[in-house]
């Protein structure tokens, strides 16, 4: 594991309010899928660093 600090952007209150106002579950699904892809990319990067000798 690296000692780098990862910055995770948090949604603003305004963005949350707009999301709740629109009440569009497809947008939420898109956000969650993108977050999963980002998590998998991060894990893949970590695995690659650990296996290189």
C-alpha atoms as a PDB file:
ATOM      1  CA  UNK A   1       0.000   0.000   0.000  1.00  0.00           C
ATOM      2  CA  UNK A   2       1.237   3.497  -0.667  1.00  0.00           C
ATOM      3  CA  UNK A   3       1.502   6.252   1.877  1.00  0.00           C
ATOM      4  CA  UNK A   4      -0.098   8.761  -0.471  1.00  0.00           C
ATOM      5  CA  UNK A   5      -3.159  10.566   0.784  1.00  0.00           C
ATOM      6  CA  UNK A   6      -6.056  10.181  -1.621  1.00  0.00           C
ATOM      7  CA  UNK A   7      -8.471  13.066  -1.924  1.00  0.00           C
ATOM      8  CA  UNK A   8     -12.064  11.971  -2.350  1.00  0.00           C
ATOM      9  CA  UNK A   9     -14.321  14.758  -3.493  1.00  0.00           C
ATOM     10  CA  UNK A  10     -17.538  15.057  -1.556  1.00  0.00           C
ATOM     11  CA  UNK A  11     -20.668  16.350  -3.261  1.00  0.00           C
ATOM     12  CA  UNK A  12     -21.681  19.843  -2.309  1.00  0.00           C
ATOM     13  CA  UNK A  13     -24.932  20.507  -0.504  1.00  0.00           C
ATOM     14  CA  UNK A  14     -26.197  22.234  -3.635  1.00  0.00           C
ATOM     15  CA  UNK A  15     -25.416  19.168  -5.769  1.00  0.00           C
ATOM     16  CA  UNK A  16     -27.219  16.929  -3.290  1.00  0.00           C
ATOM     17  CA  UNK A  17     -30.228  19.260  -3.239  1.00  0.00           C
ATOM     18  CA  UNK A  18     -30.401  19.290  -7.043  1.00  0.00           C
ATOM     19  CA  UNK A  19     -30.141  15.510  -7.148  1.00  0.00           C
ATOM     20  CA  UNK A  20     -32.936  15.123  -4.603  1.00  0.00           C
ATOM     21  CA  UNK A  21     -35.054  17.659  -6.442  1.00  0.00           C
ATOM     22  CA  UNK A  22     -34.690  15.778  -9.745  1.00  0.00           C
ATOM     23  CA  UNK A  23     -35.286  12.419  -8.034  1.00  0.00           C
ATOM     24  CA  UNK A  24     -33.685  10.589 -10.981  1.00  0.00           C
ATOM     25  CA  UNK A  25     -32.493   7.106  -9.951  1.00  0.00           C
ATOM     26  CA  UNK A  26     -30.539   6.740 -13.220  1.00  0.00           C
ATOM     27  CA  UNK A  27     -28.224   9.574 -12.161  1.00  0.00           C
ATOM     28  CA  UNK A  28     -27.608   7.868  -8.835  1.00  0.00           C
ATOM     29  CA  UNK A  29     -26.829   4.610 -10.627  1.00  0.00           C
ATOM     30  CA  UNK A  30     -24.357   6.419 -12.894  1.00  0.00           C
ATOM     31  CA  UNK A  31     -22.636   8.000  -9.895  1.00  0.00           C
ATOM     32  CA  UNK A  32     -22.390   4.671  -8.068  1.00  0.00           C
ATOM     33  CA  UNK A  33     -21.085   2.811 -11.126  1.00  0.00           C
ATOM     34  CA  UNK A  34     -18.423   5.462 -11.717  1.00  0.00           C
ATOM     35  CA  UNK A  35     -17.388   5.253  -8.058  1.00  0.00           C
ATOM     36  CA  UNK A  36     -17.032   1.473  -8.383  1.00  0.00           C
ATOM     37  CA  UNK A  37     -14.940   1.802 -11.545  1.00  0.00           C
ATOM     38  CA  UNK A  38     -12.690   4.307  -9.773  1.00  0.00           C
ATOM     39  CA  UNK A  39     -12.307   1.936  -6.811  1.00  0.00           C
ATOM     40  CA  UNK A  40     -11.389  -0.928  -9.139  1.00  0.00           C
ATOM     41  CA  UNK A  41      -8.836   1.257 -10.987  1.00  0.00           C
ATOM     42  CA  UNK A  42      -7.277   2.201  -7.658  1.00  0.00           C
ATOM     43  CA  UNK A  43      -7.099  -1.431  -6.542  1.00  0.00           C
ATOM     44  CA  UNK A  44      -5.617  -2.466  -9.884  1.00  0.00           C
ATOM     45  CA  UNK A  45      -2.923   0.227  -9.566  1.00  0.00           C
ATOM     46  CA  UNK A  46      -2.094  -0.988  -6.050  1.00  0.00           C
ATOM     47  CA  UNK A  47      -1.867  -4.619  -7.181  1.00  0.00           C
ATOM     48  CA  UNK A  48       0.423  -3.689 -10.097  1.00  0.00           C
ATOM     49  CA  UNK A  49       2.777  -1.792  -7.762  1.00  0.00           C
ATOM     50  CA  UNK A  50       2.964  -4.710  -5.341  1.00  0.00           C
ATOM     51  CA  UNK A  51       3.699  -7.345  -8.004  1.00  0.00           C
ATOM     52  CA  UNK A  52       6.523  -5.476  -9.778  1.00  0.00           C
ATOM     53  CA  UNK A  53       9.877  -6.663  -8.419  1.00  0.00           C
END
